[in-house]
C-alpha atoms as a PDB file:
ATOM      1  CA  PRO A   1    -129.728  -3.552-141.354  1.00  0.00           C
ATOM      2  CA  ARG A   2    -128.700  -6.174-143.841  1.00  0.00           C
ATOM      3  CA  SER A   3    -125.225  -5.707-145.237  1.00  0.00           C
ATOM      4  CA  PRO A   4    -122.483  -7.880-146.681  1.00  0.00           C
ATOM      5  CA  ALA A   5    -119.768  -8.701-144.147  1.00  0.00           C
ATOM      6  CA  ALA A   6    -117.188  -6.724-146.147  1.00  0.00           C
ATOM      7  CA  LEU A   7    -119.061  -3.453-145.626  1.00  0.00           C
ATOM      8  CA  LYS A   8    -118.404  -1.339-142.545  1.00  0.00           C
ATOM      9  CA  LEU A   9    -121.639   0.529-141.823  1.00  0.00           C
ATOM     10  CA  ILE A  10    -122.464   2.778-138.877  1.00  0.00           C
ATOM     11  CA  TRP A  11    -126.203   2.891-138.138  1.00  0.00           C
ATOM     12  CA  THR A  12    -127.797   5.760-136.195  1.00  0.00           C
ATOM     13  CA  ALA A  13    -131.437   6.553-135.571  1.00  0.00           C
ATOM     14  CA  SER A  14    -133.562   9.161-133.885  1.00  0.00           C
ATOM     15  CA  LEU A  15    -137.058   8.316-132.704  1.00  0.00           C
ATOM     16  CA  GLN A  16    -139.577  10.645-131.017  1.00  0.00           C
ATOM     17  CA  VAL A  17    -142.423   8.865-129.260  1.00  0.00           C
ATOM     18  CA  GLU A  18    -145.390  10.232-127.306  1.00  0.00           C
ATOM     19  CA  VAL A  19    -146.009   7.973-124.318  1.00  0.00           C
ATOM     20  CA  PRO A  20    -148.666   7.939-121.577  1.00  0.00           C
ATOM     21  CA  ASN A  21    -146.065   7.651-118.788  1.00  0.00           C
ATOM     22  CA  LEU A  22    -142.436   8.661-119.289  1.00  0.00           C
ATOM     23  CA  ARG A  23    -140.930   6.628-116.443  1.00  0.00           C
ATOM     24  CA  ALA A  24    -142.719   3.425-117.429  1.00  0.00           C
ATOM     25  CA  ALA A  25    -141.735   3.877-121.096  1.00  0.00           C
ATOM     26  CA  ALA A  26    -138.090   4.614-120.192  1.00  0.00           C
ATOM     27  CA  ASP A  27    -137.961   1.474-118.027  1.00  0.00           C
ATOM     28  CA  GLU A  28    -139.459  -0.575-120.865  1.00  0.00           C
ATOM     29  CA  ALA A  29    -136.913   0.862-123.323  1.00  0.00           C
ATOM     30  CA  ARG A  30    -134.042  -0.058-120.965  1.00  0.00           C
ATOM     31  CA  ARG A  31    -135.370  -3.597-120.586  1.00  0.00           C
ATOM     32  CA  ALA A  32    -135.785  -3.970-124.370  1.00  0.00           C
ATOM     33  CA  ALA A  33    -132.227  -2.724-124.967  1.00  0.00           C
ATOM     34  CA  ALA A  34    -130.808  -5.138-122.371  1.00  0.00           C
ATOM     35  CA  ALA A  35    -132.773  -8.051-123.866  1.00  0.00           C
ATOM     36  CA  LEU A  36    -131.203  -7.271-127.249  1.00  0.00           C
ATOM     37  CA  GLY A  37    -127.680  -7.127-125.775  1.00  0.00           C
ATOM     38  CA  GLY A  38    -127.530  -3.324-125.664  1.00  0.00           C
ATOM     39  CA  TYR A  39    -127.425  -0.660-122.990  1.00  0.00           C
ATOM     40  CA  VAL A  40    -128.348   2.946-122.172  1.00  0.00           C
ATOM     41  CA  SER A  41    -125.315   5.187-122.661  1.00  0.00           C
ATOM     42  CA  ASP A  42    -126.996   8.474-121.705  1.00  0.00           C
ATOM     43  CA  ARG A  43    -130.251   9.544-120.072  1.00  0.00           C
ATOM     44  CA  GLN A  44    -131.859  12.953-119.526  1.00  0.00           C
ATOM     45  CA  SER A  45    -135.301  13.958-118.314  1.00  0.00           C
ATOM     46  CA  ALA A  46    -137.133  17.129-117.330  1.00  0.00           C
ATOM     47  CA  GLU A  47    -140.574  18.321-116.402  1.00  0.00           C
ATOM     48  CA  THR A  48    -142.336  20.657-118.805  1.00  0.00           C
ATOM     49  CA  GLY A  49    -144.152  23.770-117.639  1.00  0.00           C
ATOM     50  CA  THR A  50    -147.456  21.889-117.914  1.00  0.00           C
ATOM     51  CA  GLY A  51    -146.442  19.246-115.372  1.00  0.00           C
ATOM     52  CA  ARG A  52    -145.723  16.616-118.019  1.00  0.00           C
ATOM     53  CA  GLU A  53    -142.367  14.902-118.391  1.00  0.00           C
ATOM     54  CA  ARG A  54    -140.046  14.554-121.376  1.00  0.00           C
ATOM     55  CA  GLY A  55    -136.767  12.715-121.634  1.00  0.00           C
ATOM     56  CA  THR A  56    -134.104  11.361-123.955  1.00  0.00           C
ATOM     57  CA  LEU A  57    -132.337   8.011-123.860  1.00  0.00           C
ATOM     58  CA  THR A  58    -129.265   7.276-125.963  1.00  0.00           C
ATOM     59  CA  LEU A  59    -129.100   3.538-126.504  1.00  0.00           C
ATOM     60  CA  ARG A  60    -126.307   1.401-127.958  1.00  0.00           C
ATOM     61  CA  ILE A  61    -127.678  -1.719-129.624  1.00  0.00           C
ATOM     62  CA  PRO A  62    -125.791  -4.485-131.476  1.00  0.00           C
ATOM     63  CA  SER A  63    -126.089  -3.575-135.164  1.00  0.00           C
ATOM     64  CA  GLU A  64    -127.488  -6.949-136.165  1.00  0.00           C
ATOM     65  CA  ARG A  65    -130.414  -6.287-133.765  1.00  0.00           C
ATOM     66  CA  PHE A  66    -131.087  -2.720-134.933  1.00  0.00           C
ATOM     67  CA  ASP A  67    -134.402  -3.554-136.656  1.00  0.00           C
ATOM     68  CA  GLY A  68    -135.690  -5.420-133.595  1.00  0.00           C
ATOM     69  CA  ALA A  69    -134.800  -2.512-131.326  1.00  0.00           C
ATOM     70  CA  MET A  70    -136.550   0.013-133.560  1.00  0.00           C
ATOM     71  CA  GLY A  71    -139.655  -2.184-133.589  1.00  0.00           C
ATOM     72  CA  ALA A  72    -139.643  -2.470-129.793  1.00  0.00           C
ATOM     73  CA  PHE A  73    -139.220   1.283-129.321  1.00  0.00           C
ATOM     74  CA  ARG A  74    -142.024   2.071-131.788  1.00  0.00           C
ATOM     75  CA  LYS A  75    -144.390   0.007-129.605  1.00  0.00           C
ATOM     76  CA  LEU A  76    -143.802   2.297-126.601  1.00  0.00           C
ATOM     77  CA  GLY A  77    -146.385   4.817-127.807  1.00  0.00           C
ATOM     78  CA  ARG A  78    -147.312   7.078-130.701  1.00  0.00           C
ATOM     79  CA  VAL A  79    -144.345   7.692-133.034  1.00  0.00           C
ATOM     80  CA  ARG A  80    -144.076  11.417-133.828  1.00  0.00           C
ATOM     81  CA  SER A  81    -140.926  11.290-135.965  1.00  0.00           C
ATOM     82  CA  GLU A  82    -138.260   8.828-137.041  1.00  0.00           C
ATOM     83  CA  THR A  83    -134.907   9.234-138.763  1.00  0.00           C
ATOM     84  CA  VAL A  84    -132.481   6.447-139.724  1.00  0.00           C
ATOM     85  CA  GLN A  85    -129.016   7.156-141.148  1.00  0.00           C
ATOM     86  CA  THR A  86    -126.262   4.902-142.408  1.00  0.00           C
ATOM     87  CA  GLN A  87    -122.631   5.946-142.757  1.00  0.00           C
ATOM     88  CA  ASP A  88    -120.427   3.718-144.912  1.00  0.00           C
ATOM     89  CA  VAL A  89    -116.883   3.765-143.483  1.00  0.00           C
ATOM     90  CA  THR A  90    -115.663   0.774-145.505  1.00  0.00           C
ATOM     91  CA  ARG A  91    -113.124   2.784-147.507  1.00  0.00           C
ATOM     92  CA  ALA A  92    -111.769   4.689-144.488  1.00  0.00           C
ATOM     93  CA  TYR A  93    -111.466   1.393-142.572  1.00  0.00           C
ATOM     94  CA  SER A  94    -109.643  -0.261-145.471  1.00  0.00           C
ATOM     95  CA  ASP A  95    -107.256   2.702-145.774  1.00  0.00           C
ATOM     96  CA  LEU A  96    -106.599   2.512-142.048  1.00  0.00           C
ATOM     97  CA  GLU A  97    -105.816  -1.208-142.267  1.00  0.00           C
ATOM     98  CA  THR A  98    -103.363  -0.536-145.105  1.00  0.00           C
ATOM     99  CA  ARG A  99    -101.626   2.253-143.150  1.00  0.00           C
ATOM    100  CA  LEU A 100    -101.345  -0.018-140.114  1.00  0.00           C
ATOM    101  CA  LYS A 101     -99.780  -2.801-142.181  1.00  0.00           C
ATOM    102  CA  VAL A 102     -97.202  -0.410-143.694  1.00  0.00           C
ATOM    103  CA  LYS A 103     -96.334   1.103-140.306  1.00  0.00           C
ATOM    104  CA  ARG A 104     -95.882  -2.331-138.711  1.00  0.00           C
ATOM    105  CA  GLU A 105     -93.567  -3.350-141.538  1.00  0.00           C
ATOM    106  CA  THR A 106     -91.618  -0.097-141.100  1.00  0.00           C
ATOM    107  CA  ALA A 107     -91.284  -0.715-137.356  1.00  0.00           C
ATOM    108  CA  ALA A 108     -90.051  -4.266-137.996  1.00  0.00           C
ATOM    109  CA  ARG A 109     -87.435  -3.031-140.500  1.00  0.00           C
ATOM    110  CA  LEU A 110     -86.259  -0.332-138.061  1.00  0.00           C
ATOM    111  CA  ARG A 111     -85.901  -2.909-135.266  1.00  0.00           C
ATOM    112  CA  GLU A 112     -83.893  -5.097-137.605  1.00  0.00           C
ATOM    113  CA  ILE A 113     -81.618  -2.140-138.451  1.00  0.00           C
ATOM    114  CA  LEU A 114     -81.221  -1.445-134.747  1.00  0.00           C
ATOM    115  CA  THR A 115     -80.093  -5.015-134.003  1.00  0.00           C
ATOM    116  CA  ARG A 116     -77.462  -4.802-136.769  1.00  0.00           C
ATOM    117  CA  GLN A 117     -76.379  -1.245-135.936  1.00  0.00           C
ATOM    118  CA  THR A 118     -72.757  -1.120-134.825  1.00  0.00           C
ATOM    119  CA  GLY A 119     -72.080   2.508-135.681  1.00  0.00           C
ATOM    120  CA  LYS A 120     -72.103   5.649-133.591  1.00  0.00           C
ATOM    121  CA  VAL A 121     -74.305   6.131-130.572  1.00  0.00           C
ATOM    122  CA  SER A 122     -76.004   9.077-132.319  1.00  0.00           C
ATOM    123  CA  GLU A 123     -77.068   6.795-135.198  1.00  0.00           C
ATOM    124  CA  VAL A 124     -78.476   4.231-132.744  1.00  0.00           C
ATOM    125  CA  LEU A 125     -80.404   6.970-130.926  1.00  0.00           C
ATOM    126  CA  GLU A 126     -81.781   8.272-134.228  1.00  0.00           C
ATOM    127  CA  VAL A 127     -83.114   4.802-135.132  1.00  0.00           C
ATOM    128  CA  GLU A 128     -84.657   4.435-131.645  1.00  0.00           C
ATOM    129  CA  ARG A 129     -86.395   7.828-131.996  1.00  0.00           C
ATOM    130  CA  GLU A 130     -87.773   6.772-135.385  1.00  0.00           C
ATOM    131  CA  ILE A 131     -89.024   3.480-133.905  1.00  0.00           C
ATOM    132  CA  ALA A 132     -90.738   5.403-131.087  1.00  0.00           C
ATOM    133  CA  ARG A 133     -92.431   7.738-133.602  1.00  0.00           C
ATOM    134  CA  VAL A 134     -93.670   4.856-135.764  1.00  0.00           C
ATOM    135  CA  VAL A 135     -94.930   2.916-132.717  1.00  0.00           C
ATOM    136  CA  GLU A 136     -96.872   5.995-131.570  1.00  0.00           C
ATOM    137  CA  GLU A 137     -98.479   6.287-135.024  1.00  0.00           C
ATOM    138  CA  ILE A 138     -99.392   2.576-134.870  1.00  0.00           C
ATOM    139  CA  GLU A 139    -101.051   3.050-131.468  1.00  0.00           C
ATOM    140  CA  GLN A 140    -103.066   6.030-132.739  1.00  0.00           C
ATOM    141  CA  ALA A 141    -104.204   4.089-135.812  1.00  0.00           C
ATOM    142  CA  GLU A 142    -105.156   1.089-133.669  1.00  0.00           C
ATOM    143  CA  GLY A 143    -107.208   3.410-131.438  1.00  0.00           C
ATOM    144  CA  GLU A 144    -108.994   4.750-134.514  1.00  0.00           C
ATOM    145  CA  ARG A 145    -109.669   1.199-135.690  1.00  0.00           C
ATOM    146  CA  ARG A 146    -111.103   0.243-132.278  1.00  0.00           C
ATOM    147  CA  TYR A 147    -113.391   3.294-132.492  1.00  0.00           C
ATOM    148  CA  PHE A 148    -114.618   2.235-135.960  1.00  0.00           C
ATOM    149  CA  ASP A 149    -115.104  -1.354-134.754  1.00  0.00           C
ATOM    150  CA  ASN A 150    -117.211  -0.114-131.821  1.00  0.00           C
ATOM    151  CA  GLN A 151    -119.320   2.210-133.986  1.00  0.00           C
ATOM    152  CA  VAL A 152    -119.930  -0.533-136.558  1.00  0.00           C
ATOM    153  CA  ALA A 153    -120.715  -3.201-133.941  1.00  0.00           C
ATOM    154  CA  LEU A 154    -123.139  -1.045-131.915  1.00  0.00           C
ATOM    155  CA  SER A 155    -125.797   1.165-133.460  1.00  0.00           C
ATOM    156  CA  THR A 156    -126.805   4.374-131.683  1.00  0.00           C
ATOM    157  CA  ILE A 157    -130.498   5.096-131.206  1.00  0.00           C
ATOM    158  CA  THR A 158    -131.593   8.396-129.654  1.00  0.00           C
ATOM    159  CA  LEU A 159    -135.037   7.858-128.184  1.00  0.00           C
ATOM    160  CA  SER A 160    -136.964  11.015-127.240  1.00  0.00           C
ATOM    161  CA  LEU A 161    -139.996  10.335-125.074  1.00  0.00           C
ATOM    162  CA  HIS A 162    -142.641  12.842-124.035  1.00  0.00           C
ATOM    163  CA  GLU A 163    -145.986  12.727-122.325  1.00  0.00           C
ATOM    164  CA  PRO A 164    -148.893  14.387-124.147  1.00  0.00           C
ATOM    165  CA  ASP A 165    -149.773  17.914-123.097  1.00  0.00           C
ATOM    166  CA  ALA A 166    -152.921  18.229-121.012  1.00  0.00           C
ATOM    167  CA  PRO A 167    -155.847  19.204-123.214  1.00  0.00           C
ATOM    168  CA  VAL A 168    -157.109  22.728-122.636  1.00  0.00           C
ATOM    169  CA  SER A 169    -160.665  22.551-121.341  1.00  0.00           C
ATOM    170  CA  PRO A 170    -163.213  24.535-123.345  1.00  0.00           C
ATOM    171  CA  GLY A 171    -163.886  27.883-121.798  1.00  0.00           C
ATOM    172  CA  ALA A 172    -160.727  27.981-119.690  1.00  0.00           C
ATOM    173  CA  PHE A 173    -159.802  31.333-121.228  1.00  0.00           C
ATOM    174  CA  ASP A 174    -163.382  32.662-121.405  1.00  0.00           C
ATOM    175  CA  PRO A 175    -163.051  34.997-118.358  1.00  0.00           C
ATOM    176  CA  VAL A 176    -159.865  36.514-119.784  1.00  0.00           C
ATOM    177  CA  ALA A 177    -161.428  36.944-123.229  1.00  0.00           C
ATOM    178  CA  ALA A 178    -164.547  38.543-121.705  1.00  0.00           C
ATOM    179  CA  ALA A 179    -162.452  40.987-119.671  1.00  0.00           C
ATOM    180  CA  LEU A 180    -160.411  41.892-122.750  1.00  0.00           C
ATOM    181  CA  ARG A 181    -163.568  42.477-124.824  1.00  0.00           C
ATOM    182  CA  GLN A 182    -165.030  44.660-122.089  1.00  0.00           C
ATOM    183  CA  ALA A 183    -161.810  46.677-121.775  1.00  0.00           C
ATOM    184  CA  LEU A 184    -161.715  47.224-125.554  1.00  0.00           C
ATOM    185  CA  ARG A 185    -165.376  48.287-125.545  1.00  0.00           C
ATOM    186  CA  ILE A 186    -164.808  50.788-122.731  1.00  0.00           C
ATOM    187  CA  MET A 187    -161.676  52.154-124.436  1.00  0.00           C
ATOM    188  CA  GLY A 188    -163.631  52.509-127.691  1.00  0.00           C
ATOM    189  CA  GLU A 189    -166.426  54.369-125.924  1.00  0.00           C
ATOM    190  CA  SER A 190    -163.898  56.663-124.180  1.00  0.00           C
ATOM    191  CA  LEU A 191    -162.220  57.487-127.454  1.00  0.00           C
ATOM    192  CA  GLY A 192    -165.598  58.107-129.082  1.00  0.00           C
ATOM    193  CA  ALA A 193    -166.596  60.517-126.328  1.00  0.00           C
END
């Protein structure tokens, strides 16, 4: 993705690839992610009823290397589907920064009031409670900002890998079809009689 530095964009992608060997492809995907500065955050695999394997890797890749990662993952096999989404959180991030600035200023003013407070103990306690509330709101907002920073810095790519199903050999169902035809013929003759 190419975006101006002022924009806060969260990139996500989903890629389904048919591969000859699931384990080899998953290992290659892990190596490609590591080479790009990313990592596997989740991994699942299962065997299908036909003896083939399928699996899903969730990869976190630095956003500036998103295109390179997608190119590497496409080379693993035959791409069956691909989806890329971008979420612009620039406005929400800017609003969050503004709220943080206001809350920090409020906390500073409350601390200043507290240092000059010479009144009743109840008034001092009230100011301390208000400081505690504002500090808690600041910590929550900072946590939200860290989450945004992480989502913007690292793109999420869900890579679904599956081995091709075994081709059905011609005539594999011929005995079943012949038996069914014969049973239908006999039932037809019985009904006719």
